[in-house]
Amino acid sequence: MHTTLLFPGLFQAAACTTIPPTQPHAVSRLRAERLARSSKPFLARGGPKGERCPGCRLVPSHCLCAVRPVIPTRAGVCLLMADIEPLKPSNTGWLIADVVLDTFAFGWARTEVAPDLLALLADPQWQPLVVFPGEFAEADRVVTQTPVPAPVSPAVAKRPLFVLLDATWPEARKMFRKSPYLNHLPVLSLAPEQVSRYVLRRSKRGDHFCTAEVASLCLGLAGESHASLTLDAYLDVFTHHYLQAKHQLPPQWEGEAHHRLQVLMGAV
């Protein structure tokens, strides 16, 4: 059994098995493909013999699979992931795929591109937008808002597809420069006022955000406020569990982050 969510009431912890709570999502599948190509096994730290839950990547004692929120959205997310990102337990692209059903994930390479990625970018139901600082793109490509469907015909309007470069900042800049198949797409430049709350990896700049924070900002721009807030809360819960496990402390199931996620999940 995974952790159990009770309504009304509080989150309660239980033991975790090795069975994921749902079918593998796009990032999970990409991780499996990346592991299959490895010449040696990837060993994540923590847990008995490095054991981690395959559904949330946390040590079994801190599993949060049963509190995974799945929110219906009109917007989608396409993750272009640097080679090692799918393997990192701290990667937050995984959290996006947990929450947003229409999440797609592809490994990035300078010399090749997945045919399925090109087909997705050309799919007429989507309006892809590369999310990247506008200062690195031609001015005529830069937008600061997402397309808004006309009130009389929202069903025929293209759905926003946020293309996120999931990598370290130096890697992301390289990916942006060396992906010619993205050159014809609009570049969505975000101008957030808040400072990143992500603490699992450190950046020298407070205006650098983790991938899940960027996705939350994009969802908010697209009018998906509930999904945006839920992803934010889920990131906080994941971060809490990750750090508690790192310091060999139990998760605080009655804490503020869990309560906020519980309220948002109850509103679905």
C-alpha atoms as a PDB file:
ATOM      1  CA  MET A   1       0.000   0.000   0.000  1.00  0.00           C
ATOM      2  CA  HIS A   2       1.145   3.522  -0.698  1.00  0.00           C
ATOM      3  CA  THR A   3       0.458   6.533   1.468  1.00  0.00           C
ATOM      4  CA  THR A   4      -3.238   7.034   1.962  1.00  0.00           C
ATOM      5  CA  LEU A   5      -5.238  10.232   1.681  1.00  0.00           C
ATOM      6  CA  LEU A   6      -8.333  10.544   3.820  1.00  0.00           C
ATOM      7  CA  PHE A   7     -11.112  13.133   3.330  1.00  0.00           C
ATOM      8  CA  PRO A   8     -11.982  14.778   5.577  1.00  0.00           C
ATOM      9  CA  GLY A   9      -8.910  14.491   7.746  1.00  0.00           C
ATOM     10  CA  LEU A  10      -5.178  14.479   7.367  1.00  0.00           C
ATOM     11  CA  PHE A  11      -2.656  12.621   5.276  1.00  0.00           C
ATOM     12  CA  GLN A  12      -1.645   9.369   6.887  1.00  0.00           C
ATOM     13  CA  ALA A  13       1.564   7.479   6.156  1.00  0.00           C
ATOM     14  CA  ALA A  14       1.732   3.808   5.274  1.00  0.00           C
ATOM     15  CA  ALA A  15       4.286   1.437   3.812  1.00  0.00           C
ATOM     16  CA  CYS A  16       5.149   1.609   0.111  1.00  0.00           C
ATOM     17  CA  THR A  17       5.403  -1.350  -2.233  1.00  0.00           C
ATOM     18  CA  THR A  18       7.374  -1.409  -5.460  1.00  0.00           C
ATOM     19  CA  ILE A  19       4.245  -1.125  -7.633  1.00  0.00           C
ATOM     20  CA  PRO A  20       3.645   2.350  -9.145  1.00  0.00           C
ATOM     21  CA  PRO A  21       0.159   3.745  -8.478  1.00  0.00           C
ATOM     22  CA  THR A  22      -0.614   4.399 -12.149  1.00  0.00           C
ATOM     23  CA  GLN A  23       0.610   3.567 -15.622  1.00  0.00           C
ATOM     24  CA  PRO A  24       4.087   5.033 -16.270  1.00  0.00           C
ATOM     25  CA  HIS A  25       3.912   8.589 -17.589  1.00  0.00           C
ATOM     26  CA  ALA A  26       6.151  10.153 -20.235  1.00  0.00           C
ATOM     27  CA  VAL A  27       9.077  10.985 -17.934  1.00  0.00           C
ATOM     28  CA  SER A  28       8.933   7.563 -16.306  1.00  0.00           C
ATOM     29  CA  ARG A  29       9.085   5.908 -19.730  1.00  0.00           C
ATOM     30  CA  LEU A  30      11.963   8.144 -20.792  1.00  0.00           C
ATOM     31  CA  ARG A  31      13.825   7.237 -17.612  1.00  0.00           C
ATOM     32  CA  ALA A  32      13.349   3.521 -18.346  1.00  0.00           C
ATOM     33  CA  GLU A  33      14.661   4.019 -21.888  1.00  0.00           C
ATOM     34  CA  ARG A  34      17.674   5.937 -20.585  1.00  0.00           C
ATOM     35  CA  LEU A  35      18.455   3.233 -18.024  1.00  0.00           C
ATOM     36  CA  ALA A  36      18.227   0.576 -20.725  1.00  0.00           C
ATOM     37  CA  ARG A  37      20.949   2.390 -22.694  1.00  0.00           C
ATOM     38  CA  SER A  38      23.295   2.709 -19.714  1.00  0.00           C
ATOM     39  CA  SER A  39      26.490   0.705 -19.756  1.00  0.00           C
ATOM     40  CA  LYS A  40      26.405   0.407 -15.959  1.00  0.00           C
ATOM     41  CA  PRO A  41      23.557   0.507 -13.429  1.00  0.00           C
ATOM     42  CA  PHE A  42      22.394   3.859 -12.090  1.00  0.00           C
ATOM     43  CA  LEU A  43      22.472   3.850  -8.289  1.00  0.00           C
ATOM     44  CA  ALA A  44      20.399   6.452  -6.485  1.00  0.00           C
ATOM     45  CA  ARG A  45      21.433   7.202  -2.926  1.00  0.00           C
ATOM     46  CA  GLY A  46      19.173   6.517   0.031  1.00  0.00           C
ATOM     47  CA  GLY A  47      16.889   3.755   1.197  1.00  0.00           C
ATOM     48  CA  PRO A  48      17.850   0.127   1.813  1.00  0.00           C
ATOM     49  CA  LYS A  49      20.486  -0.608  -0.834  1.00  0.00           C
ATOM     50  CA  GLY A  50      19.439   2.562  -2.636  1.00  0.00           C
ATOM     51  CA  GLU A  51      15.807   1.378  -2.939  1.00  0.00           C
ATOM     52  CA  ARG A  52      13.356   3.988  -4.212  1.00  0.00           C
ATOM     53  CA  CYS A  53       9.667   3.893  -5.041  1.00  0.00           C
ATOM     54  CA  PRO A  54       9.271   3.652  -8.836  1.00  0.00           C
ATOM     55  CA  GLY A  55       6.193   5.874  -8.685  1.00  0.00           C
ATOM     56  CA  CYS A  56       7.675   8.925  -6.935  1.00  0.00           C
ATOM     57  CA  ARG A  57      11.444   8.166  -6.739  1.00  0.00           C
ATOM     58  CA  LEU A  58      11.522   8.720  -2.985  1.00  0.00           C
ATOM     59  CA  VAL A  59      12.683   6.180  -0.436  1.00  0.00           C
ATOM     60  CA  PRO A  60       9.777   3.868   0.458  1.00  0.00           C
ATOM     61  CA  SER A  61       9.311   5.317   3.952  1.00  0.00           C
ATOM     62  CA  HIS A  62       8.625   8.755   2.404  1.00  0.00           C
ATOM     63  CA  CYS A  63       6.515   7.678  -0.593  1.00  0.00           C
ATOM     64  CA  LEU A  64       3.849  10.189  -1.655  1.00  0.00           C
ATOM     65  CA  CYS A  65       2.290   8.292  -4.583  1.00  0.00           C
ATOM     66  CA  ALA A  66      -1.227   8.285  -3.158  1.00  0.00           C
ATOM     67  CA  VAL A  67      -1.303  12.070  -2.889  1.00  0.00           C
ATOM     68  CA  ARG A  68      -0.394  12.551  -6.536  1.00  0.00           C
ATOM     69  CA  PRO A  69      -2.831  15.138  -7.944  1.00  0.00           C
ATOM     70  CA  VAL A  70      -3.996  14.704 -11.542  1.00  0.00           C
ATOM     71  CA  ILE A  71      -5.614  17.888 -12.852  1.00  0.00           C
ATOM     72  CA  PRO A  72      -7.471  18.109 -16.206  1.00  0.00           C
ATOM     73  CA  THR A  73      -5.921  20.871 -18.329  1.00  0.00           C
ATOM     74  CA  ARG A  74      -6.384  22.246 -21.805  1.00  0.00           C
ATOM     75  CA  ALA A  75      -2.691  23.134 -21.947  1.00  0.00           C
ATOM     76  CA  GLY A  76       0.041  20.557 -22.441  1.00  0.00           C
ATOM     77  CA  VAL A  77       3.733  20.382 -21.605  1.00  0.00           C
ATOM     78  CA  CYS A  78       6.571  19.077 -23.769  1.00  0.00           C
ATOM     79  CA  LEU A  79       9.796  18.401 -21.870  1.00  0.00           C
ATOM     80  CA  LEU A  80      13.098  18.323 -23.749  1.00  0.00           C
ATOM     81  CA  MET A  81      15.364  16.701 -21.210  1.00  0.00           C
ATOM     82  CA  ALA A  82      19.142  16.767 -21.034  1.00  0.00           C
ATOM     83  CA  ASP A  83      20.689  13.310 -21.033  1.00  0.00           C
ATOM     84  CA  ILE A  84      20.974  12.730 -17.278  1.00  0.00           C
ATOM     85  CA  GLU A  85      17.849  14.600 -16.119  1.00  0.00           C
ATOM     86  CA  PRO A  86      15.387  11.670 -16.236  1.00  0.00           C
ATOM     87  CA  LEU A  87      17.664   9.747 -13.871  1.00  0.00           C
ATOM     88  CA  LYS A  88      17.916  12.398 -11.146  1.00  0.00           C
ATOM     89  CA  PRO A  89      15.602  11.777  -8.155  1.00  0.00           C
ATOM     90  CA  SER A  90      15.412  15.562  -7.677  1.00  0.00           C
ATOM     91  CA  ASN A  91      14.196  16.217 -11.236  1.00  0.00           C
ATOM     92  CA  THR A  92      10.906  18.155 -11.155  1.00  0.00           C
ATOM     93  CA  GLY A  93       9.847  17.436 -14.725  1.00  0.00           C
ATOM     94  CA  TRP A  94       8.568  14.194 -13.227  1.00  0.00           C
ATOM     95  CA  LEU A  95       6.185  16.180 -11.026  1.00  0.00           C
ATOM     96  CA  ILE A  96       4.771  17.987 -14.068  1.00  0.00           C
ATOM     97  CA  ALA A  97       4.054  14.640 -15.716  1.00  0.00           C
ATOM     98  CA  ASP A  98       2.364  13.486 -12.493  1.00  0.00           C
ATOM     99  CA  VAL A  99      -0.046  16.421 -12.513  1.00  0.00           C
ATOM    100  CA  VAL A 100      -0.578  17.311 -16.205  1.00  0.00           C
ATOM    101  CA  LEU A 101      -1.869  14.339 -18.191  1.00  0.00           C
ATOM    102  CA  ASP A 102      -0.821  15.796 -21.545  1.00  0.00           C
ATOM    103  CA  THR A 103       2.879  15.852 -20.716  1.00  0.00           C
ATOM    104  CA  PHE A 104       5.344  14.607 -23.328  1.00  0.00           C
ATOM    105  CA  ALA A 105       9.022  13.932 -22.689  1.00  0.00           C
ATOM    106  CA  PHE A 106      11.940  13.516 -25.075  1.00  0.00           C
ATOM    107  CA  GLY A 107      15.657  13.177 -24.579  1.00  0.00           C
ATOM    108  CA  TRP A 108      17.705  15.918 -26.224  1.00  0.00           C
ATOM    109  CA  ALA A 109      20.714  15.297 -28.470  1.00  0.00           C
ATOM    110  CA  ARG A 110      22.534  17.778 -30.672  1.00  0.00           C
ATOM    111  CA  THR A 111      22.843  15.444 -33.683  1.00  0.00           C
ATOM    112  CA  GLU A 112      19.410  13.843 -33.776  1.00  0.00           C
ATOM    113  CA  VAL A 113      15.771  14.529 -33.000  1.00  0.00           C
ATOM    114  CA  ALA A 114      12.991  12.058 -32.246  1.00  0.00           C
ATOM    115  CA  PRO A 115      10.436  11.770 -35.075  1.00  0.00           C
ATOM    116  CA  ASP A 116       7.661  11.721 -32.472  1.00  0.00           C
ATOM    117  CA  LEU A 117       8.826  15.107 -31.206  1.00  0.00           C
ATOM    118  CA  LEU A 118       8.661  16.622 -34.695  1.00  0.00           C
ATOM    119  CA  ALA A 119       5.202  15.106 -35.181  1.00  0.00           C
ATOM    120  CA  LEU A 120       4.023  16.594 -31.876  1.00  0.00           C
ATOM    121  CA  LEU A 121       5.299  20.074 -32.751  1.00  0.00           C
ATOM    122  CA  ALA A 122       3.500  19.845 -36.113  1.00  0.00           C
ATOM    123  CA  ASP A 123       0.221  18.520 -34.674  1.00  0.00           C
ATOM    124  CA  PRO A 124      -2.477  21.069 -35.620  1.00  0.00           C
ATOM    125  CA  GLN A 125      -4.260  20.788 -32.259  1.00  0.00           C
ATOM    126  CA  TRP A 126      -1.273  22.374 -30.494  1.00  0.00           C
ATOM    127  CA  GLN A 127       0.330  25.810 -30.460  1.00  0.00           C
ATOM    128  CA  PRO A 128       3.872  25.125 -29.242  1.00  0.00           C
ATOM    129  CA  LEU A 129       5.665  27.883 -27.329  1.00  0.00           C
ATOM    130  CA  VAL A 130       9.314  27.535 -26.361  1.00  0.00           C
ATOM    131  CA  VAL A 131       9.650  28.848 -22.821  1.00  0.00           C
ATOM    132  CA  PHE A 132      12.940  30.725 -22.582  1.00  0.00           C
ATOM    133  CA  PRO A 133      14.193  34.217 -21.656  1.00  0.00           C
ATOM    134  CA  GLY A 134      13.380  36.597 -24.489  1.00  0.00           C
ATOM    135  CA  GLU A 135      16.824  38.213 -24.367  1.00  0.00           C
ATOM    136  CA  PHE A 136      18.243  35.135 -26.118  1.00  0.00           C
ATOM    137  CA  ALA A 137      15.774  35.159 -29.043  1.00  0.00           C
ATOM    138  CA  GLU A 138      15.002  37.436 -31.980  1.00  0.00           C
ATOM    139  CA  ALA A 139      12.562  40.143 -30.933  1.00  0.00           C
ATOM    140  CA  ASP A 140       9.924  39.114 -33.477  1.00  0.00           C
ATOM    141  CA  ARG A 141       9.706  35.640 -31.921  1.00  0.00           C
ATOM    142  CA  VAL A 142       9.168  36.783 -28.337  1.00  0.00           C
ATOM    143  CA  VAL A 143       5.715  36.747 -26.728  1.00  0.00           C
ATOM    144  CA  THR A 144       4.736  37.351 -23.125  1.00  0.00           C
ATOM    145  CA  GLN A 145       1.197  35.932 -23.165  1.00  0.00           C
ATOM    146  CA  THR A 146      -0.399  32.728 -24.360  1.00  0.00           C
ATOM    147  CA  PRO A 147      -3.038  32.722 -27.117  1.00  0.00           C
ATOM    148  CA  VAL A 148      -6.556  33.153 -25.728  1.00  0.00           C
ATOM    149  CA  PRO A 149      -9.365  31.189 -27.473  1.00  0.00           C
ATOM    150  CA  ALA A 150     -12.130  33.282 -28.984  1.00  0.00           C
ATOM    151  CA  PRO A 151     -15.256  33.074 -26.782  1.00  0.00           C
ATOM    152  CA  VAL A 152     -17.438  32.037 -29.723  1.00  0.00           C
ATOM    153  CA  SER A 153     -15.268  29.088 -30.796  1.00  0.00           C
ATOM    154  CA  PRO A 154     -12.926  27.903 -28.024  1.00  0.00           C
ATOM    155  CA  ALA A 155     -13.245  24.287 -29.169  1.00  0.00           C
ATOM    156  CA  VAL A 156     -11.439  24.947 -32.464  1.00  0.00           C
ATOM    157  CA  ALA A 157      -8.656  27.094 -31.006  1.00  0.00           C
ATOM    158  CA  LYS A 158      -5.237  25.563 -30.716  1.00  0.00           C
ATOM    159  CA  ARG A 159      -4.199  24.339 -27.300  1.00  0.00           C
ATOM    160  CA  PRO A 160      -1.018  25.831 -25.802  1.00  0.00           C
ATOM    161  CA  LEU A 161       1.898  23.399 -25.623  1.00  0.00           C
ATOM    162  CA  PHE A 162       4.702  24.675 -23.419  1.00  0.00           C
ATOM    163  CA  VAL A 163       8.091  23.418 -24.571  1.00  0.00           C
ATOM    164  CA  LEU A 164      10.394  23.375 -21.529  1.00  0.00           C
ATOM    165  CA  LEU A 165      14.144  22.759 -21.709  1.00  0.00           C
ATOM    166  CA  ASP A 166      14.711  20.577 -18.651  1.00  0.00           C
ATOM    167  CA  ALA A 167      18.407  20.961 -17.880  1.00  0.00           C
ATOM    168  CA  THR A 168      20.927  23.026 -15.980  1.00  0.00           C
ATOM    169  CA  TRP A 169      21.127  26.627 -17.150  1.00  0.00           C
ATOM    170  CA  PRO A 170      24.322  26.132 -19.246  1.00  0.00           C
ATOM    171  CA  GLU A 171      22.813  23.007 -20.813  1.00  0.00           C
ATOM    172  CA  ALA A 172      19.511  24.771 -21.521  1.00  0.00           C
ATOM    173  CA  ARG A 173      21.262  27.621 -23.348  1.00  0.00           C
ATOM    174  CA  LYS A 174      23.106  25.090 -25.496  1.00  0.00           C
ATOM    175  CA  MET A 175      19.854  23.240 -26.219  1.00  0.00           C
ATOM    176  CA  PHE A 176      18.135  26.482 -27.217  1.00  0.00           C
ATOM    177  CA  ARG A 177      20.940  27.427 -29.622  1.00  0.00           C
ATOM    178  CA  LYS A 178      21.401  24.003 -31.178  1.00  0.00           C
ATOM    179  CA  SER A 179      17.801  22.879 -31.780  1.00  0.00           C
ATOM    180  CA  PRO A 180      16.973  24.253 -35.260  1.00  0.00           C
ATOM    181  CA  TYR A 181      13.572  22.526 -35.251  1.00  0.00           C
ATOM    182  CA  LEU A 182      12.515  25.023 -32.570  1.00  0.00           C
ATOM    183  CA  ASN A 183      13.617  28.117 -34.480  1.00  0.00           C
ATOM    184  CA  HIS A 184      10.233  28.748 -36.115  1.00  0.00           C
ATOM    185  CA  LEU A 185       8.297  28.635 -32.837  1.00  0.00           C
ATOM    186  CA  PRO A 186       7.293  31.589 -30.643  1.00  0.00           C
ATOM    187  CA  VAL A 187       9.416  32.100 -27.531  1.00  0.00           C
ATOM    188  CA  LEU A 188       7.388  32.673 -24.374  1.00  0.00           C
ATOM    189  CA  SER A 189       9.405  34.929 -22.093  1.00  0.00           C
ATOM    190  CA  LEU A 190       8.317  34.917 -18.455  1.00  0.00           C
ATOM    191  CA  ALA A 191       8.763  37.876 -16.152  1.00  0.00           C
ATOM    192  CA  PRO A 192       7.909  36.453 -12.715  1.00  0.00           C
ATOM    193  CA  GLU A 193       8.140  38.684  -9.671  1.00  0.00           C
ATOM    194  CA  GLN A 194       8.678  35.951  -7.120  1.00  0.00           C
ATOM    195  CA  VAL A 195      11.971  34.305  -6.195  1.00  0.00           C
ATOM    196  CA  SER A 196      12.421  30.573  -6.657  1.00  0.00           C
ATOM    197  CA  ARG A 197      11.571  28.466  -3.606  1.00  0.00           C
ATOM    198  CA  TYR A 198      13.300  25.355  -4.967  1.00  0.00           C
ATOM    199  CA  VAL A 199      16.086  24.218  -2.648  1.00  0.00           C
ATOM    200  CA  LEU A 200      17.052  20.727  -3.855  1.00  0.00           C
ATOM    201  CA  ARG A 201      19.529  22.215  -6.308  1.00  0.00           C
ATOM    202  CA  ARG A 202      21.171  25.608  -6.034  1.00  0.00           C
ATOM    203  CA  SER A 203      21.435  28.412  -8.568  1.00  0.00           C
ATOM    204  CA  LYS A 204      23.511  31.570  -8.285  1.00  0.00           C
ATOM    205  CA  ARG A 205      20.519  33.627  -9.423  1.00  0.00           C
ATOM    206  CA  GLY A 206      17.191  33.969  -7.633  1.00  0.00           C
ATOM    207  CA  ASP A 207      15.366  34.431 -10.942  1.00  0.00           C
ATOM    208  CA  HIS A 208      16.319  30.941 -12.113  1.00  0.00           C
ATOM    209  CA  PHE A 209      13.411  28.573 -11.539  1.00  0.00           C
ATOM    210  CA  CYS A 210      13.168  24.811 -11.447  1.00  0.00           C
ATOM    211  CA  THR A 211      11.219  23.173 -14.262  1.00  0.00           C
ATOM    212  CA  ALA A 212       8.066  22.601 -12.197  1.00  0.00           C
ATOM    213  CA  GLU A 213       8.003  26.254 -11.119  1.00  0.00           C
ATOM    214  CA  VAL A 214       8.261  27.330 -14.774  1.00  0.00           C
ATOM    215  CA  ALA A 215       5.426  24.977 -15.719  1.00  0.00           C
ATOM    216  CA  SER A 216       3.279  26.390 -12.918  1.00  0.00           C
ATOM    217  CA  LEU A 217       3.840  29.947 -14.192  1.00  0.00           C
ATOM    218  CA  CYS A 218       2.947  28.848 -17.732  1.00  0.00           C
ATOM    219  CA  LEU A 219      -0.243  27.138 -16.588  1.00  0.00           C
ATOM    220  CA  GLY A 220      -1.229  30.316 -14.774  1.00  0.00           C
ATOM    221  CA  LEU A 221      -0.725  32.354 -17.947  1.00  0.00           C
ATOM    222  CA  ALA A 222      -2.903  29.880 -19.833  1.00  0.00           C
ATOM    223  CA  GLY A 223      -5.771  30.389 -17.382  1.00  0.00           C
ATOM    224  CA  GLU A 224      -5.173  27.039 -15.650  1.00  0.00           C
ATOM    225  CA  SER A 225      -5.028  28.588 -12.183  1.00  0.00           C
ATOM    226  CA  HIS A 226      -6.080  25.478 -10.275  1.00  0.00           C
ATOM    227  CA  ALA A 227      -3.486  23.315 -12.010  1.00  0.00           C
ATOM    228  CA  SER A 228      -0.872  26.009 -11.412  1.00  0.00           C
ATOM    229  CA  LEU A 229      -1.560  26.218  -7.676  1.00  0.00           C
ATOM    230  CA  THR A 230      -1.757  22.439  -7.342  1.00  0.00           C
ATOM    231  CA  LEU A 231       1.582  21.895  -9.066  1.00  0.00           C
ATOM    232  CA  ASP A 232       3.138  24.493  -6.749  1.00  0.00           C
ATOM    233  CA  ALA A 233       1.751  22.724  -3.676  1.00  0.00           C
ATOM    234  CA  TYR A 234       2.808  19.315  -4.972  1.00  0.00           C
ATOM    235  CA  LEU A 235       6.349  20.618  -5.530  1.00  0.00           C
ATOM    236  CA  ASP A 236       6.447  21.834  -1.918  1.00  0.00           C
ATOM    237  CA  VAL A 237       5.229  18.455  -0.632  1.00  0.00           C
ATOM    238  CA  PHE A 238       7.795  16.608  -2.765  1.00  0.00           C
ATOM    239  CA  THR A 239      10.586  18.909  -1.577  1.00  0.00           C
ATOM    240  CA  HIS A 240       9.584  18.372   2.060  1.00  0.00           C
ATOM    241  CA  HIS A 241       9.568  14.576   1.681  1.00  0.00           C
ATOM    242  CA  TYR A 242      12.863  14.601  -0.207  1.00  0.00           C
ATOM    243  CA  LEU A 243      14.656  16.682   2.432  1.00  0.00           C
ATOM    244  CA  GLN A 244      13.140  14.785   5.364  1.00  0.00           C
ATOM    245  CA  ALA A 245      14.346  11.519   3.834  1.00  0.00           C
ATOM    246  CA  LYS A 246      17.784  13.015   3.213  1.00  0.00           C
ATOM    247  CA  HIS A 247      18.068  13.951   6.892  1.00  0.00           C
ATOM    248  CA  GLN A 248      16.497  10.660   8.059  1.00  0.00           C
ATOM    249  CA  LEU A 249      13.483  12.392   9.553  1.00  0.00           C
ATOM    250  CA  PRO A 250       9.824  11.365   9.152  1.00  0.00           C
ATOM    251  CA  PRO A 251       7.606  13.476   6.861  1.00  0.00           C
ATOM    252  CA  GLN A 252       5.250  15.896   8.579  1.00  0.00           C
ATOM    253  CA  TRP A 253       1.913  14.770   7.152  1.00  0.00           C
ATOM    254  CA  GLU A 254       0.041  17.479   9.050  1.00  0.00           C
ATOM    255  CA  GLY A 255       2.244  20.325   7.811  1.00  0.00           C
ATOM    256  CA  GLU A 256       1.226  23.405   5.829  1.00  0.00           C
ATOM    257  CA  ALA A 257       2.294  22.049   2.430  1.00  0.00           C
ATOM    258  CA  HIS A 258       0.282  18.850   2.836  1.00  0.00           C
ATOM    259  CA  HIS A 259      -2.743  20.787   4.033  1.00  0.00           C
ATOM    260  CA  ARG A 260      -2.584  23.147   1.054  1.00  0.00           C
ATOM    261  CA  LEU A 261      -2.344  20.222  -1.384  1.00  0.00           C
ATOM    262  CA  GLN A 262      -5.225  18.435   0.370  1.00  0.00           C
ATOM    263  CA  VAL A 263      -7.478  21.481   0.022  1.00  0.00           C
ATOM    264  CA  LEU A 264      -6.633  21.864  -3.669  1.00  0.00           C
ATOM    265  CA  MET A 265      -7.219  18.182  -4.364  1.00  0.00           C
ATOM    266  CA  GLY A 266     -10.542  18.349  -2.562  1.00  0.00           C
ATOM    267  CA  ALA A 267     -11.606  21.200  -4.845  1.00  0.00           C
ATOM    268  CA  VAL A 268     -11.345  19.072  -8.007  1.00  0.00           C
END
